[in-house]
Amino acid sequence: MATDRAVGLARESEGPQRATLLELFLDLVFVAALALTSRTLAQHLDRVGAFQSVVLLLAIWWVWSATALVTDLYHAQGPPIFVMTLWVMLGTLLMAGTLPDAFSDRASVFAGAYVAIHLGRGILLVATLRNRAALLHPSRFVFWFLVSAVPWLAGGLATGSARGLLWTAALAIDYGSAWLRYPTPRLGRIPTSEYTVAADHLAERYQQFFTLALGDLILLTTLTYADNETTLGRTAALLLAFAATVLLWQIYVHRAGALLKATIESSRDPSRFVRSAPNTHLLMVAGVVAASAGFEVVIAHPTDHTEPWLAGIMLGGPALFLAGRVRFEYEVFSRVSRTRLVALLMLLVAGPALLLAPALVAGLTAVLVLAGVAVADAVRARGGPPEQPRPSM
C-alpha cells in the first residue's frame, strides 16, 4: 500500500520483518477475551448462547485482525503506532471485561469500546499521515467504520432480539466492506496492486494468534480442574484436553503452517491472502474456542450424560478447526487432504452416538479423530519429499 515515508511509519521492503514485543504485549488482552468468550459459551449451552458467542468472537477477531494489518503496514515501533496499540489494548480490555454481560447490562459499553477502537485507530492514522495517497486507505477505513458504528451503537441501546440483529448487521458491514476492498464514495476501492505485505511478519502474526488461542484452551481447562474436586474422571478429562491442545497445534503447523510465509511471497495476488487469511484463521480459532468451552464442561462434569449442545461443541470445535485447516491447505497447496475430509465426516457421524454416552467419551472421541489426522500427516510426511506451495494466480 502507499504509505507516508516522511513520518517514518512505513515498513521497508528489504530486511527481516518480525513481530515486535509491543505486538506480543497487545496479544495479552486477547487471552482474556478468548477465555471469557469460551466461558460464556460453556455457561450458556443453547441456541441463544451459541449465537451470542459467535457474535462476540467475530467482534474480537476483527479488532485483532484489523490491528495486525495496520502493524504489518507500519512500523510498530513508531510513536503513532505505539499510541494506537495502547488504545486498542485499552478498548479490548473493556470489551473483554464486559463479555459475560455484553448482551445484557453492559451492551452499550461493549459496543462503544468496539466502535472507539476502530474509529480511534483510523482517525489517528489520518491525523498522522501527510501524503495524500497515504491518507486514502485510513480514510476508507474510517468511512466504513462510521457506517457500521450506527448499528453497533444502536444495538447497545436496544433490547431483546433487536440487539442481536443490529450487531449481526454491523458485523456484515465490517466483514463485507473489507472483502469488497472498502469501496468508498469518491475514493473507490483499494486497488489490489496496493495490497503489499511483509510476508514473514503477517505469517508470524497469524501463527502467534493461533498459538494464543491454544493458550485459551490450556488456561480454561486448568482453571476448571483447579476449581473442582480432584477425581479420576476430571483428571482423565484434563489429560484429554491437553492431548487435544497438542494435536490441534501439530495439525496446524504441519507443512501449510510452516509455509504460509512462502505462499504469500510467491503469490501473484497478495490481496487474496490479505483478505482470505483472516477468515481462514477465524474458522480455526473458532474451533479452538468451542473446544475450550466443551472441555470446560467435560472436566466439570465428566460422568454426566452428554447433552446435544455439548456434543455439538465438543465435536463441532474440531470440525470448525479442520474446515479452516482444509481451506488453509487449499490456499497453500491448491489441493485438499482426503484425511481431513474423512475426519470431518467421522465427527459428523459420531454426534448422535455420543448422546448415549457420558461427557468424557465425547472428549475422547474428539481427541481420537484429531489423533488420526495427526498420524496420517506424519505418515505422509515420511513417505515423500516436503511439499512446496504452488504459486497462485
Protein backbone atom coordinates (compact mmCIF):
# COMPACT_ATOMS: atom_id res chain seq x y z
CA MET A 1 0.00 0.00 0.00
CA ALA A 2 1.09 3.60 -0.45
CA THR A 3 2.41 4.94 2.82
CA ASP A 4 3.82 8.10 4.27
CA ARG A 5 7.57 7.66 4.49
CA ALA A 6 8.01 11.27 5.57
CA VAL A 7 6.95 10.42 9.10
CA GLY A 8 8.90 7.14 9.12
CA LEU A 9 5.91 4.88 9.59
CA ALA A 10 6.11 2.69 6.51
CA ARG A 11 7.82 -0.68 6.71
CA GLU A 12 10.76 -1.07 4.36
CA SER A 13 10.51 -3.80 1.75
CA GLU A 14 14.03 -5.06 2.48
CA GLY A 15 15.23 -6.90 5.53
CA PRO A 16 13.51 -9.10 8.10
CA GLN A 17 10.04 -8.12 9.21
CA ARG A 18 9.47 -9.83 12.54
CA ALA A 19 6.75 -9.25 15.10
CA THR A 20 7.75 -6.86 17.87
CA LEU A 21 7.45 -7.17 21.63
CA LEU A 22 4.80 -4.44 21.51
CA GLU A 23 2.63 -6.64 19.29
CA LEU A 24 3.05 -9.58 21.66
CA PHE A 25 2.16 -7.21 24.51
CA LEU A 26 -1.03 -6.33 22.63
CA ASP A 27 -1.93 -10.01 22.35
CA LEU A 28 -2.11 -10.37 26.13
CA VAL A 29 -5.53 -8.74 26.32
CA PHE A 30 -6.87 -11.17 23.73
CA VAL A 31 -6.05 -14.08 26.04
CA ALA A 32 -8.66 -12.74 28.42
CA ALA A 33 -11.10 -12.01 25.60
CA LEU A 34 -10.91 -15.51 24.14
CA ALA A 35 -11.09 -17.19 27.54
CA LEU A 36 -14.19 -15.22 28.52
CA THR A 37 -15.81 -15.99 25.17
CA SER A 38 -15.26 -19.72 25.73
CA ARG A 39 -16.53 -19.49 29.30
CA THR A 40 -19.63 -17.60 28.18
CA LEU A 41 -20.38 -20.37 25.69
CA ALA A 42 -19.77 -23.08 28.30
CA GLN A 43 -22.22 -21.42 30.67
CA HIS A 44 -24.92 -20.96 28.01
CA LEU A 45 -25.04 -24.18 26.01
CA ASP A 46 -28.11 -23.45 23.93
CA ARG A 47 -29.10 -21.79 20.68
CA VAL A 48 -29.04 -18.27 22.12
CA GLY A 49 -25.71 -18.79 23.86
CA ALA A 50 -24.12 -20.15 20.68
CA PHE A 51 -25.38 -17.21 18.62
CA GLN A 52 -24.16 -14.67 21.14
CA SER A 53 -20.75 -16.33 21.41
CA VAL A 54 -20.35 -16.23 17.63
CA VAL A 55 -21.15 -12.50 17.56
CA LEU A 56 -18.71 -11.78 20.39
CA LEU A 57 -15.94 -13.82 18.78
CA LEU A 58 -16.42 -12.13 15.40
CA ALA A 59 -16.10 -8.73 17.06
CA ILE A 60 -12.97 -9.69 18.98
CA TRP A 61 -11.36 -11.27 15.94
CA TRP A 62 -11.99 -8.22 13.76
CA VAL A 63 -10.31 -5.95 16.30
CA TRP A 64 -7.19 -8.13 16.30
CA SER A 65 -7.17 -8.79 12.56
CA ALA A 66 -7.52 -5.13 11.57
CA THR A 67 -4.83 -4.13 14.05
CA ALA A 68 -2.50 -6.85 12.76
CA LEU A 69 -2.85 -5.48 9.24
CA VAL A 70 -2.01 -1.95 10.41
CA THR A 71 1.10 -3.13 12.23
CA ASP A 72 2.03 -5.07 9.09
CA LEU A 73 1.93 -1.90 7.03
CA TYR A 74 3.58 0.43 9.53
CA HIS A 75 6.45 0.14 11.98
CA ALA A 76 5.05 -0.84 15.38
CA GLN A 77 7.99 0.99 16.96
CA GLY A 78 6.83 4.35 15.63
CA PRO A 79 5.28 6.64 18.28
CA PRO A 80 1.88 6.93 16.49
CA ILE A 81 1.60 3.14 16.19
CA PHE A 82 2.70 2.74 19.80
CA VAL A 83 -0.13 5.05 20.90
CA MET A 84 -2.57 3.25 18.61
CA THR A 85 -1.59 -0.12 20.06
CA LEU A 86 -2.18 1.05 23.62
CA TRP A 87 -5.54 2.47 22.52
CA VAL A 88 -6.53 -0.89 21.04
CA MET A 89 -5.38 -2.68 24.19
CA LEU A 90 -7.48 -0.44 26.41
CA GLY A 91 -10.55 -0.84 24.23
CA THR A 92 -10.12 -4.61 24.03
CA LEU A 93 -9.74 -4.77 27.79
CA LEU A 94 -13.10 -3.01 28.14
CA MET A 95 -14.66 -5.37 25.61
CA ALA A 96 -13.27 -8.41 27.43
CA GLY A 97 -14.44 -7.14 30.80
CA THR A 98 -18.00 -6.75 29.54
CA LEU A 99 -18.17 -10.01 27.55
CA PRO A 100 -20.19 -12.02 30.09
CA ASP A 101 -22.87 -9.28 30.11
CA ALA A 102 -22.39 -7.95 26.58
CA PHE A 103 -25.94 -8.96 25.63
CA SER A 104 -27.49 -7.55 28.79
CA ASP A 105 -26.42 -4.83 31.22
CA ARG A 106 -23.10 -3.87 29.58
CA ALA A 107 -24.09 -3.91 25.92
CA SER A 108 -23.51 -0.18 25.42
CA VAL A 109 -20.01 -0.38 26.92
CA PHE A 110 -19.08 -3.34 24.72
CA ALA A 111 -20.36 -1.68 21.55
CA GLY A 112 -18.89 1.69 22.47
CA ALA A 113 -15.45 0.18 23.07
CA TYR A 114 -15.57 -1.68 19.74
CA VAL A 115 -16.51 1.45 17.80
CA ALA A 116 -13.95 3.57 19.65
CA ILE A 117 -11.16 1.12 18.84
CA HIS A 118 -11.75 1.17 15.10
CA LEU A 119 -12.55 4.85 14.70
CA GLY A 120 -9.74 5.88 17.03
CA ARG A 121 -7.23 3.81 15.09
CA GLY A 122 -8.32 5.26 11.74
CA ILE A 123 -8.50 8.85 12.96
CA LEU A 124 -5.02 8.59 14.46
CA LEU A 125 -3.61 7.41 11.13
CA VAL A 126 -5.43 10.19 9.24
CA ALA A 127 -4.03 12.76 11.67
CA THR A 128 -0.50 11.34 11.43
CA LEU A 129 -0.04 10.73 7.71
CA ARG A 130 0.72 13.68 5.47
CA ASN A 131 0.91 12.22 1.99
CA ARG A 132 -2.43 12.47 0.17
CA ALA A 133 -2.12 8.99 -1.35
CA ALA A 134 -1.35 7.54 2.08
CA LEU A 135 -4.47 9.16 3.52
CA LEU A 136 -6.76 7.29 1.15
CA HIS A 137 -6.56 3.99 3.00
CA PRO A 138 -7.29 5.11 6.57
CA SER A 139 -9.97 7.43 5.14
CA ARG A 140 -11.72 4.42 3.63
CA PHE A 141 -11.47 2.57 6.93
CA VAL A 142 -12.92 5.50 8.88
CA PHE A 143 -15.81 5.83 6.44
CA TRP A 144 -16.86 2.20 6.72
CA PHE A 145 -16.41 2.01 10.48
CA LEU A 146 -18.60 5.10 10.75
CA VAL A 147 -21.24 3.24 8.76
CA SER A 148 -21.06 0.16 10.97
CA ALA A 149 -20.96 2.29 14.12
CA VAL A 150 -24.65 3.10 13.66
CA PRO A 151 -25.97 -0.48 14.14
CA TRP A 152 -23.27 -1.19 16.74
CA LEU A 153 -24.28 1.71 18.97
CA ALA A 154 -27.99 1.24 18.25
CA GLY A 155 -27.65 -2.39 19.26
CA GLY A 156 -26.01 -1.34 22.51
CA LEU A 157 -29.13 0.64 23.36
CA ALA A 158 -31.64 -1.90 22.01
CA THR A 159 -33.14 -4.80 23.92
CA GLY A 160 -34.05 -8.40 23.19
CA SER A 161 -33.54 -9.91 19.76
CA ALA A 162 -33.17 -6.46 18.17
CA ARG A 163 -29.69 -6.18 19.67
CA GLY A 164 -28.53 -9.41 18.04
CA LEU A 165 -29.98 -8.41 14.68
CA LEU A 166 -28.36 -4.97 14.76
CA TRP A 167 -24.97 -6.35 15.76
CA THR A 168 -25.19 -9.01 13.07
CA ALA A 169 -25.84 -6.28 10.50
CA ALA A 170 -22.88 -4.30 11.86
CA LEU A 171 -20.56 -7.29 11.53
CA ALA A 172 -21.81 -7.91 7.99
CA ILE A 173 -20.80 -4.34 7.13
CA ASP A 174 -17.37 -4.70 8.74
CA TYR A 175 -16.52 -8.02 7.12
CA GLY A 176 -18.26 -7.30 3.83
CA SER A 177 -16.60 -3.93 3.26
CA ALA A 178 -13.18 -5.49 3.85
CA TRP A 179 -13.87 -8.32 1.40
CA LEU A 180 -15.01 -5.78 -1.21
CA ARG A 181 -11.84 -3.75 -0.61
CA TYR A 182 -13.61 -0.85 1.10
CA PRO A 183 -15.49 0.76 -1.81
CA THR A 184 -15.86 4.39 -0.73
CA PRO A 185 -17.64 7.31 -2.43
CA ARG A 186 -15.16 9.45 -4.42
CA LEU A 187 -12.23 7.28 -3.29
CA GLY A 188 -13.20 3.96 -4.86
CA ARG A 189 -11.82 0.60 -3.71
CA ILE A 190 -8.34 -0.21 -2.54
CA PRO A 191 -6.50 -1.38 -5.69
CA THR A 192 -5.29 -4.97 -5.49
CA SER A 193 -1.82 -3.78 -6.50
CA GLU A 194 -1.55 -1.87 -3.22
CA TYR A 195 -2.05 -4.93 -1.02
CA THR A 196 1.67 -5.31 -0.40
CA VAL A 197 2.53 -7.08 2.84
CA ALA A 198 5.58 -8.11 4.82
CA ALA A 199 5.13 -11.85 4.34
CA ASP A 200 7.20 -13.05 7.27
CA HIS A 201 5.55 -10.57 9.62
CA LEU A 202 1.98 -11.34 8.59
CA ALA A 203 2.56 -15.10 8.67
CA GLU A 204 4.16 -14.87 12.10
CA ARG A 205 1.30 -12.81 13.50
CA TYR A 206 -1.36 -15.34 12.44
CA GLN A 207 0.71 -18.19 13.80
CA GLN A 208 1.14 -16.33 17.08
CA PHE A 209 -2.58 -15.68 17.44
CA PHE A 210 -3.47 -19.29 16.79
CA THR A 211 -0.96 -20.32 19.44
CA LEU A 212 -2.56 -17.73 21.71
CA ALA A 213 -5.95 -19.36 21.12
CA LEU A 214 -4.47 -22.68 22.21
CA GLY A 215 -3.39 -20.88 25.38
CA ASP A 216 -7.10 -20.22 25.99
CA LEU A 217 -7.70 -23.97 25.89
CA ILE A 218 -4.92 -24.60 28.40
CA LEU A 219 -5.98 -21.74 30.68
CA LEU A 220 -9.67 -22.60 30.87
CA THR A 221 -9.20 -26.32 31.37
CA THR A 222 -6.57 -25.79 34.07
CA LEU A 223 -8.73 -23.28 35.95
CA THR A 224 -11.75 -25.56 35.72
CA TYR A 225 -9.76 -28.51 37.04
CA ALA A 226 -8.42 -26.37 39.91
CA ASP A 227 -11.91 -25.13 40.83
CA ASN A 228 -13.38 -28.62 41.22
CA GLU A 229 -12.68 -31.58 43.45
CA THR A 230 -10.00 -33.86 42.04
CA THR A 231 -11.41 -37.13 40.74
CA LEU A 232 -10.21 -39.78 38.33
CA GLY A 233 -12.76 -38.66 35.74
CA ARG A 234 -11.74 -35.00 35.94
CA THR A 235 -8.06 -35.89 35.74
CA ALA A 236 -8.73 -38.00 32.65
CA ALA A 237 -10.68 -35.11 31.09
CA LEU A 238 -7.79 -32.72 31.78
CA LEU A 239 -5.36 -35.10 30.11
CA LEU A 240 -7.67 -35.34 27.10
CA ALA A 241 -7.82 -31.53 26.90
CA PHE A 242 -4.03 -31.37 26.92
CA ALA A 243 -3.84 -34.02 24.21
CA ALA A 244 -6.32 -32.06 22.10
CA THR A 245 -4.21 -28.91 22.52
CA VAL A 246 -1.08 -30.68 21.32
CA LEU A 247 -2.89 -32.27 18.38
CA LEU A 248 -4.50 -29.01 17.26
CA TRP A 249 -1.10 -27.34 17.29
CA GLN A 250 0.55 -30.21 15.42
CA ILE A 251 -2.11 -30.31 12.72
CA TYR A 252 -1.95 -26.53 12.28
CA VAL A 253 1.82 -26.31 11.85
CA HIS A 254 2.12 -29.37 9.61
CA ARG A 255 3.52 -28.12 6.31
CA ALA A 256 0.97 -25.44 5.47
CA GLY A 257 1.52 -23.53 8.72
CA ALA A 258 5.27 -23.54 8.21
CA LEU A 259 4.94 -22.49 4.55
CA LEU A 260 2.48 -19.63 4.96
CA LYS A 261 5.22 -17.03 4.52
CA ALA A 262 6.48 -18.63 1.30
CA THR A 263 2.93 -18.82 -0.01
CA ILE A 264 2.31 -15.11 0.47
CA GLU A 265 5.66 -14.23 -1.10
CA SER A 266 5.08 -16.44 -4.15
CA SER A 267 1.52 -15.31 -4.74
CA ARG A 268 0.84 -13.17 -7.79
CA ASP A 269 -2.13 -11.69 -5.98
CA PRO A 270 -1.18 -10.90 -2.34
CA SER A 271 -4.52 -9.17 -1.84
CA ARG A 272 -6.29 -12.53 -1.98
CA PHE A 273 -4.33 -13.75 1.01
CA VAL A 274 -4.67 -10.47 2.90
CA ARG A 275 -8.46 -10.74 2.54
CA SER A 276 -8.85 -14.52 2.96
CA ALA A 277 -6.33 -15.27 5.73
CA PRO A 278 -8.47 -13.57 8.42
CA ASN A 279 -11.49 -15.70 7.52
CA THR A 280 -9.48 -18.92 7.27
CA HIS A 281 -7.84 -18.41 10.64
CA LEU A 282 -11.12 -17.25 12.15
CA LEU A 283 -12.58 -20.70 11.49
CA MET A 284 -9.64 -22.38 13.18
CA VAL A 285 -9.69 -20.04 16.17
CA ALA A 286 -13.46 -20.52 16.49
CA GLY A 287 -12.86 -24.25 16.60
CA VAL A 288 -10.40 -23.84 19.46
CA VAL A 289 -12.79 -21.55 21.37
CA ALA A 290 -15.61 -24.09 21.01
CA ALA A 291 -13.33 -26.95 22.06
CA SER A 292 -12.25 -24.93 25.11
CA ALA A 293 -15.86 -24.48 26.15
CA GLY A 294 -16.56 -28.17 25.59
CA PHE A 295 -13.62 -29.38 27.64
CA GLU A 296 -14.52 -26.96 30.42
CA VAL A 297 -17.90 -28.68 30.73
CA VAL A 298 -16.39 -32.16 30.38
CA ILE A 299 -13.85 -31.52 33.16
CA ALA A 300 -16.51 -30.13 35.47
CA HIS A 301 -18.98 -32.98 34.77
CA PRO A 302 -17.08 -35.91 33.22
CA THR A 303 -19.63 -38.60 34.08
CA ASP A 304 -22.77 -36.63 33.28
CA HIS A 305 -24.93 -37.50 30.31
CA THR A 306 -23.79 -35.83 27.07
CA GLU A 307 -26.37 -33.22 26.17
CA PRO A 308 -26.95 -32.38 22.48
CA TRP A 309 -25.33 -28.96 22.71
CA LEU A 310 -22.29 -30.36 24.49
CA ALA A 311 -21.87 -32.97 21.76
CA GLY A 312 -22.27 -30.19 19.23
CA ILE A 313 -19.44 -28.02 20.52
CA MET A 314 -17.25 -30.95 21.56
CA LEU A 315 -17.25 -32.29 18.01
CA GLY A 316 -18.10 -29.04 16.27
CA GLY A 317 -14.98 -27.34 17.63
CA PRO A 318 -12.56 -29.79 15.98
CA ALA A 319 -14.78 -29.78 12.88
CA LEU A 320 -14.55 -25.98 12.57
CA PHE A 321 -10.80 -26.17 13.05
CA LEU A 322 -10.43 -28.85 10.37
CA ALA A 323 -12.68 -26.92 7.97
CA GLY A 324 -10.47 -23.87 8.37
CA ARG A 325 -7.38 -26.02 8.03
CA VAL A 326 -8.75 -27.55 4.81
CA ARG A 327 -9.24 -24.08 3.38
CA PHE A 328 -5.80 -23.08 4.64
CA GLU A 329 -4.25 -26.11 2.95
CA TYR A 330 -6.01 -25.31 -0.30
CA GLU A 331 -4.63 -21.76 -0.25
CA VAL A 332 -1.09 -23.09 0.19
CA PHE A 333 -1.05 -26.26 -1.95
CA SER A 334 -4.15 -25.86 -4.17
CA ARG A 335 -5.40 -29.26 -3.02
CA VAL A 336 -7.21 -30.80 -0.07
CA SER A 337 -6.13 -33.81 2.00
CA ARG A 338 -8.69 -36.62 1.98
CA THR A 339 -7.70 -37.43 5.56
CA ARG A 340 -9.22 -34.18 6.78
CA LEU A 341 -12.41 -34.72 4.82
CA VAL A 342 -12.75 -38.21 6.32
CA ALA A 343 -12.16 -36.76 9.79
CA LEU A 344 -14.90 -34.18 9.23
CA LEU A 345 -17.29 -36.96 8.21
CA MET A 346 -16.39 -39.01 11.31
CA LEU A 347 -17.09 -36.05 13.59
CA LEU A 348 -20.47 -35.58 11.95
CA VAL A 349 -21.42 -39.25 12.21
CA ALA A 350 -20.25 -39.59 15.83
CA GLY A 351 -22.57 -36.87 17.11
CA PRO A 352 -25.79 -38.87 17.54
CA ALA A 353 -23.98 -41.80 19.17
CA LEU A 354 -22.47 -39.58 21.85
CA LEU A 355 -25.92 -38.72 23.18
CA LEU A 356 -25.93 -42.16 24.78
CA ALA A 357 -22.51 -41.76 26.42
CA PRO A 358 -21.01 -39.77 29.31
CA ALA A 359 -19.34 -36.42 28.61
CA LEU A 360 -15.88 -37.91 28.98
CA VAL A 361 -16.49 -40.09 25.92
CA ALA A 362 -17.29 -37.00 23.87
CA GLY A 363 -13.89 -35.57 24.73
CA LEU A 364 -12.20 -38.86 23.96
CA THR A 365 -13.92 -39.07 20.56
CA ALA A 366 -12.70 -35.60 19.57
CA VAL A 367 -9.14 -36.46 20.61
CA LEU A 368 -9.14 -39.77 18.71
CA VAL A 369 -10.29 -38.11 15.49
CA LEU A 370 -7.63 -35.40 15.80
CA ALA A 371 -5.02 -38.04 16.57
CA GLY A 372 -5.96 -39.90 13.40
CA VAL A 373 -5.36 -36.74 11.34
CA ALA A 374 -2.02 -36.07 13.03
CA VAL A 375 -0.83 -39.63 12.49
CA ALA A 376 -1.84 -39.54 8.83
CA ASP A 377 0.08 -36.28 8.42
CA ALA A 378 3.18 -37.83 9.98
CA VAL A 379 2.99 -40.92 7.77
CA ARG A 380 2.53 -38.82 4.65
CA ALA A 381 5.46 -36.58 5.63
CA ARG A 382 7.78 -39.56 5.92
CA GLY A 383 6.62 -41.06 2.67
CA GLY A 384 7.66 -38.29 0.33
CA PRO A 385 9.67 -35.08 -0.17
CA PRO A 386 8.45 -31.89 1.52
CA GLU A 387 5.64 -30.34 -0.45
CA GLN A 388 6.12 -26.80 -1.67
CA PRO A 389 3.44 -24.13 -2.08
CA ARG A 390 2.11 -23.56 -5.55
CA PRO A 391 2.22 -20.01 -6.86
CA SER A 392 -1.33 -18.69 -7.09
CA MET A 393 -2.68 -16.64 -9.91
